[in-house]
Amino acid sequence: MTATVLGMFVLLLVTPDLEDSILAAMRRYHHNRYLTTPHPEVKKRNSITFTGGGMVNTVCSEKSLPMTALVSFPGSGNTWLRYLLETSTGVFTGSVYTDRQIISKGFYGEAVPPDCGCTSVQKTHGFALAGFVPHEKKKSAEVAHFNGRAVLLLRNPYEALLSYRNFLYGGHTGFAPYDRFNGPDWERFASRLAVVWKELAATWINSTHGDEAIALHFETLRLNPETSLHSVLSYLNIAWDSRRLSCVLSHIDGPFRRPQSPQNLMFKSRDPFNTKLHALIDGLIEEETRQSHETKSKHILLPHSYQDLYSCSSIIKLSVLLSIKLSM
């Protein structure tokens, strides 16, 4: 790691004060552990009709499924993967949060306690919502809570940071104003959250053992959703219905995909990541890749294209691993 990257890393760790937008994200969620009664729709019936083809989703019997974290940095496609899992299996996914907008779109597993044992996975962003890296014991507390079981969803940090910024100012499907991607506030946000991106992934990679967890790259899921879903569902030991899987592959986007926007074209003409941010983020990617290779029993390859903001397609096909177990 270069001196510049190391210096910024140390600075970020010792100045954990939060930007207002991060606090806004925390207020957007309500922690599910305080929810003592199910959402009215869940109380009324344990199934709903999936509008894509008259199919039914189900909340399983309590304690019939092990707790399994669906952990990711915000903006990495967590809700999209939940949509794919629910519609391909008929089993609701859960969450450690209660997002009312998510519930309103039919994700009724959002409204049941995350430890009910009745949902296939439970969404969490871990310590990422706090906007800083906690001390060592607190970092791994959630890993212990889930007994190491997790689907770790990783996304290019450049794209994840942009997506998270859009969410903070525009919600699930909106966009942040263009001026939110430049200036000191943006640089502080991107710098701090890039470190959090790296540390969140490293915490789960280094704290799990054997075949407790699997890793899935968002880019792989986007390129080959069927193979990716097969890998995740095999790990979860949940059967999928071929008719449902065919249906979801025909309606791949789900209810929370952001519409087409000129934002990407603007970013191609003016890179929102300045030289300092590139140095930091590229350094973190390289460090995470190196640590993964040094941990012999765990294999997570971060694509070289993570360091190239928009040139993903050709390199990713060669370098992204297709939902690889943390231990071979």
Protein backbone atom coordinates (compact mmCIF):
# COMPACT_ATOMS: atom_id res chain seq x y z
CA MET A 1 0.00 0.00 0.00
CA THR A 2 1.36 3.40 -0.93
CA ALA A 3 2.09 6.08 1.66
CA THR A 4 -0.81 8.18 0.31
CA VAL A 5 -3.31 5.35 0.67
CA LEU A 6 -1.98 4.37 4.10
CA GLY A 7 -2.19 7.96 5.30
CA MET A 8 -5.78 8.36 4.15
CA PHE A 9 -6.68 4.99 5.66
CA VAL A 10 -5.33 5.98 9.08
CA LEU A 11 -7.04 9.37 8.89
CA LEU A 12 -10.39 7.76 8.14
CA LEU A 13 -10.12 5.29 11.00
CA VAL A 14 -9.46 7.99 13.59
CA THR A 15 -12.16 10.41 12.38
CA PRO A 16 -15.41 8.43 12.46
CA ASP A 17 -17.76 11.44 12.44
CA LEU A 18 -20.61 10.89 9.98
CA GLU A 19 -21.97 12.88 7.11
CA ASP A 20 -25.64 13.81 7.37
CA SER A 21 -26.51 11.62 4.41
CA ILE A 22 -25.22 8.52 6.19
CA LEU A 23 -27.30 9.35 9.23
CA ALA A 24 -30.26 9.72 6.88
CA ALA A 25 -29.65 6.19 5.63
CA MET A 26 -29.67 4.85 9.17
CA ARG A 27 -32.97 6.62 9.85
CA ARG A 28 -34.41 5.09 6.68
CA TYR A 29 -34.14 1.65 8.29
CA HIS A 30 -35.69 0.38 11.52
CA HIS A 31 -33.87 -2.49 13.20
CA ASN A 32 -36.01 -5.60 13.00
CA ARG A 33 -35.03 -7.00 16.38
CA TYR A 34 -37.45 -4.53 17.98
CA LEU A 35 -40.38 -5.68 15.87
CA THR A 36 -42.46 -7.95 18.11
CA THR A 37 -45.52 -8.53 15.90
CA PRO A 38 -45.58 -9.50 12.22
CA HIS A 39 -46.78 -7.18 9.49
CA PRO A 40 -50.60 -7.43 9.04
CA GLU A 41 -50.18 -9.22 5.69
CA VAL A 42 -47.99 -11.86 7.34
CA LYS A 43 -50.44 -12.31 10.20
CA LYS A 44 -53.35 -12.62 7.76
CA ARG A 45 -51.77 -15.32 5.65
CA ASN A 46 -48.49 -17.13 5.25
CA SER A 47 -48.45 -16.74 1.47
CA ILE A 48 -49.00 -14.13 -1.20
CA THR A 49 -49.61 -14.31 -4.91
CA PHE A 50 -46.66 -13.42 -7.14
CA THR A 51 -48.08 -11.15 -9.83
CA GLY A 52 -45.68 -12.40 -12.48
CA GLY A 53 -47.59 -15.64 -12.96
CA GLY A 54 -49.99 -16.47 -10.18
CA MET A 55 -47.27 -18.12 -8.10
CA VAL A 56 -47.22 -18.23 -4.31
CA ASN A 57 -44.50 -17.14 -1.88
CA THR A 58 -44.38 -18.63 1.61
CA VAL A 59 -43.07 -17.85 5.08
CA CYS A 60 -41.74 -21.22 6.24
CA SER A 61 -42.46 -22.79 9.62
CA GLU A 62 -40.55 -21.18 12.47
CA LYS A 63 -37.07 -22.56 13.17
CA SER A 64 -37.18 -24.70 10.03
CA LEU A 65 -34.31 -22.83 8.36
CA PRO A 66 -30.92 -21.79 9.74
CA MET A 67 -30.13 -18.09 10.03
CA THR A 68 -28.05 -17.06 7.01
CA ALA A 69 -26.87 -13.51 6.47
CA LEU A 70 -27.20 -11.94 3.04
CA VAL A 71 -24.45 -9.46 3.72
CA SER A 72 -23.27 -6.70 1.44
CA PHE A 73 -22.07 -3.15 1.34
CA PRO A 74 -25.06 -0.85 0.56
CA GLY A 75 -25.64 -0.42 -3.16
CA SER A 76 -24.38 -3.90 -4.04
CA GLY A 77 -27.63 -5.46 -5.24
CA ASN A 78 -28.88 -7.02 -2.00
CA THR A 79 -32.56 -6.31 -2.68
CA TRP A 80 -32.25 -7.51 -6.27
CA LEU A 81 -30.77 -10.84 -5.14
CA ARG A 82 -33.58 -11.17 -2.59
CA TYR A 83 -36.10 -10.70 -5.41
CA LEU A 84 -34.40 -13.41 -7.48
CA LEU A 85 -34.29 -15.82 -4.54
CA GLU A 86 -37.91 -15.27 -3.54
CA THR A 87 -39.37 -15.60 -7.00
CA SER A 88 -37.32 -18.66 -7.92
CA THR A 89 -38.07 -20.61 -4.71
CA GLY A 90 -41.32 -19.25 -3.28
CA VAL A 91 -39.61 -18.77 0.10
CA PHE A 92 -39.52 -15.27 1.55
CA THR A 93 -36.24 -13.61 2.44
CA GLY A 94 -35.86 -11.62 5.65
CA SER A 95 -33.87 -8.72 7.01
CA VAL A 96 -32.36 -7.34 10.20
CA TYR A 97 -34.09 -4.09 9.22
CA THR A 98 -37.68 -3.12 8.53
CA ASP A 99 -37.90 -1.07 5.35
CA ARG A 100 -41.54 -0.12 4.81
CA GLN A 101 -41.03 0.53 1.11
CA ILE A 102 -39.62 -2.97 0.68
CA ILE A 103 -42.66 -4.44 2.44
CA SER A 104 -45.02 -2.44 0.24
CA LYS A 105 -43.56 -4.21 -2.81
CA GLY A 106 -44.42 -7.66 -1.43
CA PHE A 107 -41.23 -8.52 0.48
CA TYR A 108 -43.27 -9.58 3.52
CA GLY A 109 -40.36 -11.51 5.02
CA GLU A 110 -38.96 -8.06 5.82
CA ALA A 111 -41.58 -7.82 8.58
CA VAL A 112 -40.80 -10.97 10.55
CA PRO A 113 -38.01 -11.29 13.14
CA PRO A 114 -34.69 -12.17 11.48
CA ASP A 115 -34.14 -15.05 13.91
CA CYS A 116 -37.52 -16.69 13.23
CA GLY A 117 -35.92 -19.45 11.16
CA CYS A 118 -38.69 -18.94 8.60
CA THR A 119 -36.89 -16.98 5.84
CA SER A 120 -34.17 -18.20 3.50
CA VAL A 121 -31.66 -15.40 4.14
CA GLN A 122 -31.61 -12.22 6.21
CA LYS A 123 -30.39 -8.97 4.67
CA THR A 124 -27.73 -7.02 6.53
CA HIS A 125 -25.21 -4.32 5.74
CA GLY A 126 -23.36 -4.95 8.99
CA PHE A 127 -21.41 -1.99 10.30
CA ALA A 128 -21.49 -0.29 6.88
CA LEU A 129 -24.58 1.78 7.76
CA ALA A 130 -22.66 3.44 10.60
CA GLY A 131 -20.22 4.83 8.05
CA PHE A 132 -17.04 3.83 9.87
CA VAL A 133 -15.08 0.74 10.92
CA PRO A 134 -15.70 -0.28 14.56
CA HIS A 135 -13.19 -1.91 16.88
CA GLU A 136 -12.16 -5.49 16.22
CA LYS A 137 -14.59 -7.26 18.57
CA LYS A 138 -17.60 -5.31 17.35
CA LYS A 139 -16.59 -5.86 13.71
CA SER A 140 -17.09 -9.60 13.97
CA ALA A 141 -20.09 -9.58 16.33
CA GLU A 142 -22.59 -10.10 13.51
CA VAL A 143 -20.54 -12.96 12.06
CA ALA A 144 -20.88 -14.73 15.41
CA HIS A 145 -24.59 -13.90 15.58
CA PHE A 146 -25.12 -15.75 12.28
CA ASN A 147 -22.72 -18.56 13.27
CA GLY A 148 -20.63 -17.68 10.24
CA ARG A 149 -23.36 -18.59 7.74
CA ALA A 150 -23.60 -16.05 4.96
CA VAL A 151 -23.96 -15.24 1.32
CA LEU A 152 -21.40 -12.45 0.86
CA LEU A 153 -22.45 -10.28 -2.08
CA LEU A 154 -19.56 -8.21 -3.45
CA ARG A 155 -19.74 -5.42 -6.00
CA ASN A 156 -17.20 -3.19 -7.67
CA PRO A 157 -16.65 -0.50 -4.99
CA TYR A 158 -16.74 2.29 -7.56
CA GLU A 159 -20.23 1.30 -8.70
CA ALA A 160 -21.37 0.44 -5.16
CA LEU A 161 -20.39 3.89 -3.90
CA LEU A 162 -22.27 5.60 -6.72
CA SER A 163 -25.33 3.40 -6.14
CA TYR A 164 -25.29 4.04 -2.39
CA ARG A 165 -25.01 7.79 -2.94
CA ASN A 166 -28.04 7.64 -5.24
CA PHE A 167 -29.97 5.69 -2.61
CA LEU A 168 -29.19 8.22 0.12
CA TYR A 169 -30.63 11.09 -1.88
CA GLY A 170 -33.12 9.36 -4.18
CA GLY A 171 -34.28 6.21 -2.41
CA HIS A 172 -34.36 2.75 -4.00
CA THR A 173 -35.02 3.90 -7.56
CA GLY A 174 -34.09 7.59 -7.61
CA PHE A 175 -30.88 9.51 -8.20
CA ALA A 176 -28.76 11.95 -6.25
CA PRO A 177 -28.32 15.43 -7.71
CA TYR A 178 -25.26 15.69 -9.91
CA ASP A 179 -23.55 18.11 -7.51
CA ARG A 180 -23.58 15.42 -4.81
CA PHE A 181 -20.75 13.67 -6.68
CA ASN A 182 -18.14 16.38 -6.35
CA GLY A 183 -16.64 18.61 -3.71
CA PRO A 184 -15.36 17.93 -0.17
CA ASP A 185 -18.53 16.17 1.05
CA TRP A 186 -18.42 13.66 -1.80
CA GLU A 187 -14.68 13.06 -1.36
CA ARG A 188 -15.12 12.49 2.37
CA PHE A 189 -18.07 10.15 1.76
CA ALA A 190 -16.28 8.08 -0.91
CA SER A 191 -13.04 7.89 1.10
CA ARG A 192 -14.65 6.70 4.31
CA LEU A 193 -17.09 4.31 2.73
CA ALA A 194 -14.44 2.74 0.48
CA VAL A 195 -12.57 1.71 3.62
CA VAL A 196 -15.81 0.34 5.06
CA TRP A 197 -16.41 -1.63 1.83
CA LYS A 198 -13.04 -3.31 2.18
CA GLU A 199 -13.27 -3.98 5.92
CA LEU A 200 -16.79 -5.42 5.74
CA ALA A 201 -15.71 -7.97 3.11
CA ALA A 202 -12.47 -8.76 4.95
CA THR A 203 -14.30 -9.30 8.24
CA TRP A 204 -16.58 -11.97 6.81
CA ILE A 205 -13.86 -13.60 4.73
CA ASN A 206 -11.45 -13.85 7.65
CA SER A 207 -14.01 -14.80 10.32
CA THR A 208 -15.67 -17.77 8.63
CA HIS A 209 -14.42 -21.34 8.38
CA GLY A 210 -14.95 -24.34 6.15
CA ASP A 211 -18.04 -24.10 3.97
CA GLU A 212 -19.95 -21.82 6.36
CA ALA A 213 -20.26 -19.06 3.77
CA ILE A 214 -20.11 -18.43 0.05
CA ALA A 215 -19.18 -15.36 -1.98
CA LEU A 216 -21.03 -14.05 -5.00
CA HIS A 217 -19.98 -11.16 -7.22
CA PHE A 218 -22.73 -8.80 -8.36
CA GLU A 219 -21.07 -8.67 -11.77
CA THR A 220 -21.30 -12.45 -12.07
CA LEU A 221 -24.94 -12.41 -11.02
CA ARG A 222 -25.69 -9.82 -13.68
CA LEU A 223 -23.83 -11.72 -16.41
CA ASN A 224 -25.10 -15.19 -15.56
CA PRO A 225 -28.06 -15.07 -13.15
CA GLU A 226 -29.17 -18.67 -13.64
CA THR A 227 -25.81 -20.22 -12.77
CA SER A 228 -25.39 -17.82 -9.87
CA LEU A 229 -28.81 -18.66 -8.46
CA HIS A 230 -28.13 -22.38 -8.74
CA SER A 231 -24.94 -21.90 -6.71
CA VAL A 232 -26.61 -19.86 -3.98
CA LEU A 233 -29.64 -22.16 -3.72
CA SER A 234 -27.42 -25.24 -3.56
CA TYR A 235 -25.55 -23.64 -0.66
CA LEU A 236 -28.84 -22.78 1.06
CA ASN A 237 -30.11 -26.31 0.38
CA ILE A 238 -33.40 -24.91 -0.91
CA ALA A 239 -35.06 -26.43 -3.95
CA TRP A 240 -36.10 -24.24 -6.85
CA ASP A 241 -38.99 -24.68 -9.23
CA SER A 242 -38.00 -24.72 -12.91
CA ARG A 243 -41.20 -22.90 -13.88
CA ARG A 244 -40.59 -20.16 -11.35
CA LEU A 245 -36.92 -19.88 -12.32
CA SER A 246 -37.86 -19.53 -15.97
CA CYS A 247 -40.36 -16.83 -15.02
CA VAL A 248 -37.92 -14.81 -12.94
CA LEU A 249 -35.29 -14.98 -15.69
CA SER A 250 -37.91 -13.47 -17.99
CA HIS A 251 -38.59 -10.69 -15.47
CA ILE A 252 -35.04 -10.27 -14.27
CA ASP A 253 -35.01 -6.65 -13.09
CA GLY A 254 -37.44 -6.74 -10.18
CA PRO A 255 -39.31 -3.79 -8.64
CA PHE A 256 -36.32 -1.73 -7.50
CA ARG A 257 -34.17 -1.37 -10.57
CA ARG A 258 -33.23 2.25 -11.27
CA PRO A 259 -34.48 3.50 -14.65
CA GLN A 260 -32.13 4.58 -17.41
CA SER A 261 -30.49 7.89 -16.63
CA PRO A 262 -27.99 10.26 -18.28
CA GLN A 263 -25.94 9.99 -15.09
CA ASN A 264 -23.57 7.34 -16.48
CA LEU A 265 -22.93 9.40 -19.59
CA MET A 266 -22.08 12.39 -17.44
CA PHE A 267 -19.72 10.33 -15.33
CA LYS A 268 -17.95 9.08 -18.45
CA SER A 269 -17.23 12.64 -19.44
CA ARG A 270 -16.24 13.67 -15.92
CA ASP A 271 -14.95 10.95 -13.62
CA PRO A 272 -16.46 11.56 -10.16
CA PHE A 273 -13.42 9.87 -8.59
CA ASN A 274 -10.40 12.15 -8.52
CA THR A 275 -6.79 11.01 -8.42
CA LYS A 276 -6.71 10.69 -4.63
CA LEU A 277 -9.87 8.62 -4.55
CA HIS A 278 -8.59 6.33 -7.29
CA ALA A 279 -5.35 5.84 -5.36
CA LEU A 280 -7.24 4.94 -2.19
CA ILE A 281 -9.83 2.65 -3.76
CA ASP A 282 -7.38 0.87 -6.07
CA GLY A 283 -5.11 0.34 -3.06
CA LEU A 284 -7.93 -1.17 -1.05
CA ILE A 285 -8.87 -3.49 -3.92
CA GLU A 286 -5.26 -4.63 -4.25
CA GLU A 287 -4.95 -5.16 -0.50
CA GLU A 288 -8.15 -7.22 -0.34
CA THR A 289 -7.03 -9.34 -3.30
CA ARG A 290 -3.60 -9.91 -1.76
CA GLN A 291 -5.05 -10.91 1.61
CA SER A 292 -7.45 -13.31 -0.08
CA HIS A 293 -4.60 -15.02 -1.92
CA GLU A 294 -2.49 -15.19 1.26
CA THR A 295 -5.30 -16.96 3.11
CA LYS A 296 -4.73 -20.28 1.42
CA SER A 297 -8.02 -21.96 2.35
CA LYS A 298 -10.15 -19.07 1.09
CA HIS A 299 -10.45 -17.98 -2.50
CA ILE A 300 -12.06 -14.71 -3.44
CA LEU A 301 -10.73 -13.06 -6.56
CA LEU A 302 -11.60 -9.41 -6.99
CA PRO A 303 -11.73 -8.62 -10.71
CA HIS A 304 -8.97 -6.42 -12.12
CA SER A 305 -11.80 -4.48 -13.74
CA TYR A 306 -12.79 -3.22 -10.28
CA GLN A 307 -10.06 -0.65 -10.89
CA ASP A 308 -11.62 0.43 -14.18
CA LEU A 309 -14.89 2.21 -13.50
CA TYR A 310 -16.81 1.38 -16.66
CA SER A 311 -14.80 -1.20 -18.65
CA CYS A 312 -16.14 -4.35 -17.03
CA SER A 313 -17.59 -6.68 -19.62
CA SER A 314 -14.57 -8.27 -21.30
CA ILE A 315 -12.33 -8.67 -18.25
CA ILE A 316 -15.03 -9.80 -15.85
CA LYS A 317 -15.83 -12.84 -17.97
CA LEU A 318 -12.28 -14.05 -17.39
CA SER A 319 -11.67 -13.00 -13.81
CA VAL A 320 -14.89 -13.10 -11.76
CA LEU A 321 -15.45 -16.32 -9.86
CA LEU A 322 -18.94 -17.80 -10.13
CA SER A 323 -20.23 -17.91 -6.55
CA ILE A 324 -17.18 -19.62 -5.04
CA LYS A 325 -17.12 -21.17 -1.60
CA LEU A 326 -14.80 -19.46 0.82
CA SER A 327 -13.12 -22.81 1.40
CA MET A 328 -12.44 -25.26 -1.42
